[in-house]
Protein backbone atom coordinates (compact mmCIF):
# COMPACT_ATOMS: atom_id res chain seq x y z
CA MET A 1 84.37 27.51 108.62
CA ALA A 2 83.59 26.99 112.26
CA PHE A 3 82.64 30.61 112.55
CA LYS A 4 80.08 30.38 109.76
CA GLN A 5 78.43 27.28 111.25
CA HIS A 6 78.06 28.97 114.68
CA ALA A 7 76.50 32.03 113.08
CA SER A 8 73.91 29.90 111.24
CA LYS A 9 72.90 28.14 114.41
CA ARG A 10 72.42 31.43 116.26
CA SER A 11 70.32 32.82 113.52
CA ALA A 12 68.04 29.80 113.52
CA GLN A 13 67.61 29.96 117.32
CA SER A 14 66.80 33.64 117.21
CA SER A 15 64.12 33.00 114.59
CA ASN A 16 62.48 30.29 116.68
CA ASN A 17 62.41 32.45 119.79
CA THR A 18 60.72 35.28 117.89
CA SER A 19 57.91 33.11 116.63
CA LEU A 20 57.24 31.73 120.11
CA ASN A 21 57.22 35.07 121.92
CA THR A 22 54.78 36.91 119.44
CA PRO A 23 51.08 36.47 120.41
CA THR A 24 48.63 35.64 117.55
CA LYS A 25 45.08 37.07 117.09
CA ALA A 26 42.10 34.81 116.52
CA VAL A 27 40.73 35.03 112.98
CA GLN A 28 36.99 35.67 112.87
CA PRO A 29 34.97 34.17 109.92
CA LYS A 30 33.42 36.53 107.45
CA ILE A 31 29.61 36.75 107.74
CA SER A 32 27.71 37.53 104.58
CA LYS A 33 25.75 40.72 104.77
CA PRO A 34 22.02 40.30 104.51
CA ASN A 35 20.01 41.99 101.70
CA ASN A 36 19.31 45.58 102.34
CA THR A 37 15.46 45.14 101.94
CA PRO A 38 12.89 42.34 101.42
CA ASP A 39 11.38 44.17 98.37
CA LYS A 40 14.57 43.76 96.40
CA THR A 41 14.32 39.96 96.66
CA THR A 42 10.72 40.01 95.50
CA GLU A 43 11.65 42.13 92.53
CA GLU A 44 14.42 39.72 91.59
CA GLU A 45 12.09 36.77 91.90
CA GLY A 46 9.49 38.59 89.77
CA GLY A 47 12.13 39.34 87.16
CA GLN A 48 13.19 35.72 87.01
CA SER A 49 9.53 34.67 86.66
CA ASN A 50 9.07 37.07 83.74
CA LYS A 51 12.17 35.72 82.10
CA LEU A 52 10.83 32.19 82.50
CA ASP A 53 7.52 33.27 80.96
CA GLU A 54 9.38 34.87 78.07
CA ILE A 55 11.43 31.74 77.60
CA HIS A 56 8.27 29.64 77.77
CA ASN A 57 6.51 31.85 75.25
CA THR A 58 9.56 31.78 73.02
CA LEU A 59 9.62 28.00 73.24
CA LYS A 60 5.91 27.85 72.41
CA ILE A 61 6.47 30.10 69.38
CA MET A 62 9.42 28.01 68.34
CA MET A 63 7.35 24.84 68.74
CA LYS A 64 4.58 26.33 66.59
CA LYS A 65 7.11 27.32 63.99
CA LEU A 66 8.59 23.86 64.14
CA ASP A 67 5.10 22.40 63.68
CA LYS A 68 4.59 24.70 60.71
CA LEU A 69 7.95 23.66 59.39
CA ASP A 70 6.90 20.03 59.72
CA VAL A 71 3.70 20.80 57.81
CA ILE A 72 5.66 22.72 55.17
CA GLU A 73 8.18 19.92 54.99
CA GLY A 74 5.34 17.43 54.51
CA ARG A 75 3.84 19.61 51.83
CA MET A 76 7.24 19.96 50.21
CA LYS A 77 7.60 16.20 50.18
CA THR A 78 4.12 15.86 48.67
CA LEU A 79 4.93 18.59 46.14
CA GLU A 80 8.22 16.87 45.35
CA GLU A 81 6.38 13.59 44.81
CA ASP A 82 3.80 15.38 42.65
CA LEU A 83 6.58 16.98 40.65
CA ARG A 84 8.19 13.60 40.22
CA ASP A 85 4.87 12.21 39.00
CA VAL A 86 4.47 15.17 36.66
CA LYS A 87 7.98 14.66 35.36
CA THR A 88 7.29 10.97 34.80
CA SER A 89 4.02 11.81 33.04
CA MET A 90 5.77 14.40 30.88
CA GLU A 91 8.50 11.95 29.98
CA TYR A 92 5.85 9.38 29.09
CA ALA A 93 3.90 11.96 27.09
CA HIS A 94 7.10 13.05 25.35
CA ALA A 95 7.81 9.45 24.44
CA GLU A 96 4.24 9.06 23.19
CA ILE A 97 4.55 12.26 21.14
CA THR A 98 7.85 11.05 19.71
CA ASP A 99 6.25 7.73 18.79
CA LEU A 100 3.25 9.51 17.28
CA LYS A 101 5.52 11.86 15.35
CA THR A 102 7.52 8.92 14.02
CA SER A 103 4.31 7.06 13.20
CA HIS A 104 2.92 10.18 11.51
CA GLU A 105 6.07 10.57 9.43
CA ILE A 106 5.90 6.91 8.42
CA THR A 107 2.19 7.24 7.61
CA THR A 108 2.80 10.46 5.65
CA THR A 109 5.57 8.82 3.65
CA PHE A 110 3.40 5.77 3.07
CA ASN A 111 0.46 7.95 2.00
CA LYS A 112 2.66 9.90 -0.40
CA GLU A 113 3.99 6.70 -1.90
CA THR A 114 0.47 5.24 -2.06
CA LYS A 115 -0.87 8.42 -3.67
CA ALA A 116 1.96 8.37 -6.20
CA ARG A 117 1.17 4.74 -7.01
CA LEU A 118 -2.55 5.51 -7.24
CA ASP A 119 -1.90 8.50 -9.49
CA LYS A 120 0.27 6.31 -11.68
CA LEU A 121 -2.38 3.57 -11.76
CA GLU A 122 -5.12 6.11 -12.52
CA LYS A 123 -3.06 7.55 -15.35
CA GLU A 124 -2.32 4.09 -16.70
CA ASN A 125 -6.01 3.18 -16.36
CA ALA A 126 -7.06 6.40 -18.12
CA ASP A 127 -4.53 5.76 -20.88
CA LEU A 128 -5.77 2.18 -21.19
CA HIS A 129 -9.40 3.33 -21.23
CA ASN A 130 -8.64 5.97 -23.87
CA GLY A 131 -6.71 3.37 -25.83
CA ILE A 132 -9.69 1.01 -25.78
CA ILE A 133 -12.01 3.82 -26.89
CA ASP A 134 -9.58 4.68 -29.68
CA LEU A 135 -9.46 1.03 -30.81
CA LYS A 136 -13.26 0.85 -30.77
CA ALA A 137 -13.45 4.08 -32.75
CA ARG A 138 -10.96 2.72 -35.27
CA SER A 139 -12.93 -0.49 -35.61
CA MET A 140 -16.03 1.65 -36.36
CA ARG A 141 -14.17 3.92 -38.74
CA ASP A 142 -15.86 2.44 -41.82
CA ASN A 143 -19.31 2.10 -40.25
CA LEU A 144 -22.46 4.10 -40.96
CA ILE A 145 -25.79 4.04 -39.16
CA PHE A 146 -29.03 4.29 -41.17
CA TYR A 147 -32.13 5.54 -39.35
CA ASN A 148 -35.86 5.01 -40.03
CA LEU A 149 -35.52 2.32 -42.70
CA PRO A 150 -38.73 0.26 -42.50
CA GLU A 151 -38.32 -2.90 -40.44
CA ILE A 152 -39.90 -6.10 -41.71
CA GLU A 153 -39.54 -9.75 -40.82
CA HIS A 154 -36.94 -11.87 -42.63
CA GLU A 155 -35.40 -8.74 -44.09
CA ASN A 156 -31.99 -8.45 -45.74
CA THR A 157 -30.49 -5.24 -44.35
CA THR A 158 -27.59 -5.19 -46.84
CA GLU A 159 -30.00 -5.30 -49.79
CA MET A 160 -32.11 -2.56 -48.15
CA ILE A 161 -29.06 -0.28 -47.92
CA HIS A 162 -28.04 -0.97 -51.53
CA GLN A 163 -31.57 -0.16 -52.62
CA LEU A 164 -31.46 3.10 -50.64
CA LEU A 165 -28.16 4.09 -52.25
CA GLU A 166 -29.56 3.54 -55.73
CA ASP A 167 -32.98 5.11 -55.14
CA LYS A 168 -32.15 8.07 -52.88
CA LEU A 169 -28.45 8.87 -53.42
CA GLY A 170 -28.33 8.17 -57.16
CA MET A 171 -25.57 5.58 -57.02
CA LYS A 172 -25.89 3.35 -60.11
CA ASP A 173 -25.48 -0.37 -59.64
CA ALA A 174 -24.71 0.09 -55.93
CA LYS A 175 -25.09 -3.64 -55.33
CA ALA A 176 -22.09 -4.32 -57.55
CA GLN A 177 -20.08 -1.15 -56.90
CA VAL A 178 -20.43 -0.77 -53.12
CA LYS A 179 -19.23 -3.66 -51.02
CA ILE A 180 -20.75 -4.03 -47.55
CA ASP A 181 -18.95 -6.48 -45.28
CA ARG A 182 -21.88 -6.87 -42.87
CA SER A 183 -24.97 -5.09 -41.59
CA HIS A 184 -27.57 -5.60 -38.85
CA ARG A 185 -30.14 -3.89 -36.69
CA LEU A 186 -28.98 -2.29 -33.44
CA GLY A 187 -30.55 -3.41 -30.19
CA ARG A 188 -33.40 -5.73 -29.44
CA LYS A 189 -36.80 -5.42 -30.99
CA ARG A 190 -39.36 -4.13 -28.52
CA GLN A 191 -42.97 -5.18 -28.68
CA GLY A 192 -45.37 -2.30 -29.19
CA ASN A 193 -42.67 0.05 -30.45
CA PRO A 194 -43.43 0.94 -34.08
CA LYS A 195 -40.21 2.89 -34.55
CA PRO A 196 -37.71 0.84 -36.60
CA ARG A 197 -34.35 0.06 -35.11
CA PRO A 198 -31.29 1.66 -36.74
CA ILE A 199 -29.15 -0.39 -39.13
CA VAL A 200 -25.36 -0.36 -38.85
CA ALA A 201 -23.34 -1.28 -41.93
CA LYS A 202 -19.60 -1.84 -42.27
CA PHE A 203 -18.26 -0.86 -45.69
CA ASN A 204 -15.31 -2.64 -47.22
CA TYR A 205 -13.85 0.57 -48.66
CA HIS A 206 -13.46 3.73 -46.62
CA GLN A 207 -13.95 5.84 -49.75
CA ASP A 208 -17.43 4.40 -50.25
CA LYS A 209 -18.32 5.15 -46.67
CA GLU A 210 -17.12 8.77 -46.96
CA PHE A 211 -18.94 9.29 -50.28
CA ILE A 212 -22.22 8.13 -48.74
CA ARG A 213 -21.71 10.27 -45.62
CA ARG A 214 -21.03 13.43 -47.66
CA ASN A 215 -24.11 12.86 -49.79
CA ALA A 216 -26.42 12.15 -46.85
CA ASN A 217 -27.90 15.65 -47.25
CA LYS A 218 -29.76 14.34 -50.31
CA LEU A 219 -32.05 12.56 -47.86
CA LYS A 220 -33.32 15.90 -46.59
CA GLY A 221 -37.13 15.92 -46.57
CA THR A 222 -37.30 12.19 -45.81
CA LYS A 223 -37.34 10.58 -42.41
CA ILE A 224 -34.23 8.63 -43.23
CA GLY A 225 -30.93 9.73 -41.71
CA ILE A 226 -27.29 8.67 -41.94
CA SER A 227 -24.51 9.20 -39.36
CA GLU A 228 -21.15 7.81 -38.41
CA GLN A 229 -20.88 5.22 -35.67
CA PHE A 230 -18.81 5.96 -32.57
CA PRO A 231 -18.25 4.29 -29.19
CA ASP A 232 -20.78 5.26 -26.53
CA GLU A 233 -18.22 7.47 -24.75
CA ILE A 234 -17.65 9.57 -27.87
CA ALA A 235 -21.34 9.49 -28.84
CA ARG A 236 -22.30 11.09 -25.52
CA VAL A 237 -19.75 13.86 -26.02
CA ARG A 238 -20.99 14.50 -29.56
CA GLN A 239 -24.59 14.62 -28.37
CA ALA A 240 -23.66 17.26 -25.78
CA LEU A 241 -21.90 19.30 -28.50
CA TYR A 242 -24.82 19.34 -30.98
CA PRO A 243 -26.58 22.36 -29.37
CA GLU A 244 -23.36 24.37 -29.65
CA LEU A 245 -22.96 23.23 -33.25
CA LYS A 246 -26.46 24.45 -34.12
CA LYS A 247 -25.87 27.72 -32.30
CA ALA A 248 -22.62 28.37 -34.17
CA LYS A 249 -24.24 27.61 -37.54
CA ALA A 250 -27.18 29.88 -36.70
CA GLU A 251 -24.64 32.67 -36.15
CA GLY A 252 -23.19 32.02 -39.59
CA LYS A 253 -19.97 30.47 -38.34
CA ARG A 254 -18.15 27.56 -39.92
CA ALA A 255 -18.60 24.69 -37.51
CA ARG A 256 -18.33 20.90 -37.58
CA ILE A 257 -17.89 18.02 -35.16
CA VAL A 258 -14.86 15.83 -35.73
CA LYS A 259 -15.00 12.69 -33.63
CA ASP A 260 -15.45 14.11 -30.08
CA LYS A 261 -14.43 17.72 -30.79
CA LEU A 262 -16.42 20.70 -32.00
CA ILE A 263 -14.43 22.99 -34.28
CA ILE A 264 -15.76 26.53 -34.77
CA GLU A 265 -13.95 28.81 -37.20
CA GLY A 266 -10.90 26.57 -37.01
CA ILE A 267 -10.77 26.66 -33.17
CA VAL A 268 -11.59 23.71 -30.96
CA PHE A 269 -14.59 24.59 -28.82
CA ASN A 270 -13.99 24.56 -25.05
CA PRO A 271 -17.18 24.78 -22.93
CA THR A 272 -15.26 26.41 -20.05
CA ARG A 273 -13.91 29.15 -22.30
CA PRO A 274 -16.22 32.02 -23.33
CA THR A 275 -16.89 32.18 -27.07
């Protein structure tokens, strides 16, 4: 152990002596080498200036684009607002159309129902009107009208008709055989009109009325005429049918007017149908 400690001490002393005896050189600082030429510096500065110009131009372009983007963004916002307004208007219009459609459907239904009611009322009115005409025609069923019998004051029209039946139609004792319920002149007497007013007579027996009507042709050659009485509505129809009646008889056809119908050769005449 003592040997090892002495060896360590000697080694340490030898190391110290070596470092003291070896001279050291002074260390010179490194000096940066200057640029080879002045032109190279100028070129580098020019290059940097160009890069700055490029960057500046790029920034300007970017700023312009940003400005355009701002404008576009503003327009987009305006367009978006316009689209919103259009959408709102369309929704409102759609609601209006829906309301109008509903209202139209209600109106159409109402009109159909109203038309159906009107058609029903018109039919009922027509049936009622035709019923009244039929009742009037039935009430006149036993009536005859006598034309061109002389008109005098304080006359007795029933006696005048009885006299006509005896004198012109050959009916014996007509005053006793033919019963007339009532008779009178039709219409008001007009001053200055010499033409006598017709006389309407209601016979008690329908057979008497029919006998007189069938024998009215015996009055041919006189101014006196006899016809059945009908309501005005039927009378107008009969008057319109008389020309066709005369035409059919002139052609040798069997024709007669029954109430408001013209019958030719057993067929009811229809003015819309060719004969």
